[in-house]
Protein backbone atom coordinates (compact mmCIF):
# COMPACT_ATOMS: atom_id res chain seq x y z
CA MET A 1 103.80 59.37 85.03
CA MET A 2 104.83 60.63 88.24
CA LEU A 3 108.38 60.81 87.19
CA GLU A 4 107.63 62.97 84.30
CA ILE A 5 105.28 65.60 86.30
CA VAL A 6 108.39 65.63 88.66
CA GLY A 7 110.78 66.16 85.86
CA GLY A 8 108.59 69.25 84.31
CA VAL A 9 108.06 70.89 87.88
CA LEU A 10 111.72 70.90 88.38
CA CYS A 11 112.65 72.18 84.86
CA GLY A 12 110.22 74.83 85.41
CA LEU A 13 111.74 75.85 88.73
CA LEU A 14 115.23 75.64 87.34
CA GLY A 15 114.03 77.57 84.33
CA LEU A 16 112.82 80.35 86.62
CA LEU A 17 115.59 80.62 88.62
CA ALA A 18 118.18 80.80 85.83
CA GLY A 19 116.05 83.64 84.32
CA ARG A 20 115.88 85.32 87.37
CA TRP A 21 119.73 85.36 87.98
CA LEU A 22 120.42 85.95 84.12
CA PHE A 23 118.03 89.28 83.53
CA VAL A 24 117.40 90.77 86.75
CA ARG A 25 119.87 93.29 88.43
CA PRO A 26 120.00 94.25 91.88
CA PRO A 27 118.38 97.53 92.55
CA CYS A 28 121.86 98.98 93.83
CA ALA A 29 122.96 98.26 90.28
CA TRP A 30 120.38 100.64 88.94
CA ARG A 31 121.18 103.67 91.75
CA HIS A 32 124.91 103.47 90.30
CA ALA A 33 123.66 103.11 86.91
CA LEU A 34 121.84 106.56 86.74
CA SER A 35 123.32 108.66 88.70
CA VAL A 36 123.00 112.32 88.04
CA PRO A 37 125.72 114.61 87.83
CA GLY A 38 125.43 118.07 89.91
CA PRO A 39 125.16 120.33 87.32
CA LEU A 40 122.13 118.78 85.90
CA LEU A 41 120.34 118.19 89.19
CA VAL A 42 120.81 121.94 89.74
CA ARG A 43 119.46 122.78 86.20
CA THR A 44 116.80 120.78 86.37
CA GLN A 45 115.74 122.25 89.59
CA VAL A 46 115.63 125.32 88.57
CA LEU A 47 113.82 124.69 85.50
CA THR A 48 111.44 122.45 87.73
CA ARG A 49 111.12 125.70 90.03
CA GLU A 50 110.05 128.03 87.06
CA GLN A 51 107.32 125.59 85.59
CA ASN A 52 105.85 125.26 88.92
CA THR A 53 105.00 128.74 88.69
CA ILE A 54 102.82 128.59 85.61
CA GLU A 55 99.26 128.08 85.85
CA GLY A 56 97.02 126.49 83.60
CA ARG A 57 98.98 124.03 81.97
CA SER A 58 98.81 120.12 83.10
CA GLY A 59 102.05 118.29 84.95
CA GLU A 60 102.65 116.31 82.03
CA ALA A 61 103.09 119.51 79.75
CA LYS A 62 105.41 120.97 82.39
CA ARG A 63 107.90 117.92 82.57
CA HIS A 64 107.64 117.76 78.73
CA GLN A 65 109.11 121.39 79.00
CA VAL A 66 111.77 120.88 81.49
CA TYR A 67 112.72 117.53 79.41
CA ALA A 68 112.99 119.40 76.21
CA ARG A 69 115.23 122.11 77.61
CA LEU A 70 117.54 119.52 79.26
CA ILE A 71 117.95 117.77 75.93
CA LYS A 72 118.94 121.00 74.59
CA ASP A 73 121.45 122.17 77.33
CA PHE A 74 123.02 118.46 77.86
CA PRO A 75 122.70 116.96 74.59
CA GLU A 76 125.51 114.13 75.43
CA THR A 77 123.62 112.87 78.28
CA SER A 78 121.34 109.96 78.08
CA HIS A 79 117.84 110.58 78.10
CA ARG A 80 117.28 107.97 80.66
CA VAL A 81 119.35 110.17 83.15
CA LEU A 82 117.65 113.39 82.07
CA ALA A 83 114.08 111.74 83.02
CA ARG A 84 115.88 110.45 86.40
CA ALA A 85 117.29 114.09 87.16
CA ILE A 86 113.48 115.22 86.75
CA GLU A 87 112.18 112.61 88.99
CA ASP A 88 115.27 113.45 91.62
CA ALA A 89 114.27 117.15 91.33
CA LEU A 90 110.81 116.69 91.97
CA ALA A 91 111.26 114.31 94.90
CA ASP A 92 113.35 117.11 96.70
């Protein structure tokens, strides 16, 4: 009985460790995977500054306008990178 419990606990721990090792990438890999090119970042900063001057519109609506414009301006760029560019522009 005790051996079954210990075996079950060990199997559970090994499963958790294997799952973390297989499916979680270190944060440094995320930064390199989502690097924002310079021209995209400059364009995003200009668009976010323009949207910040508009009154009476929610932040989400402003973000959507910038995102839609970036999709039109940079159609071959992944949407994740475009979203990251918006976040980077707002952080500055």
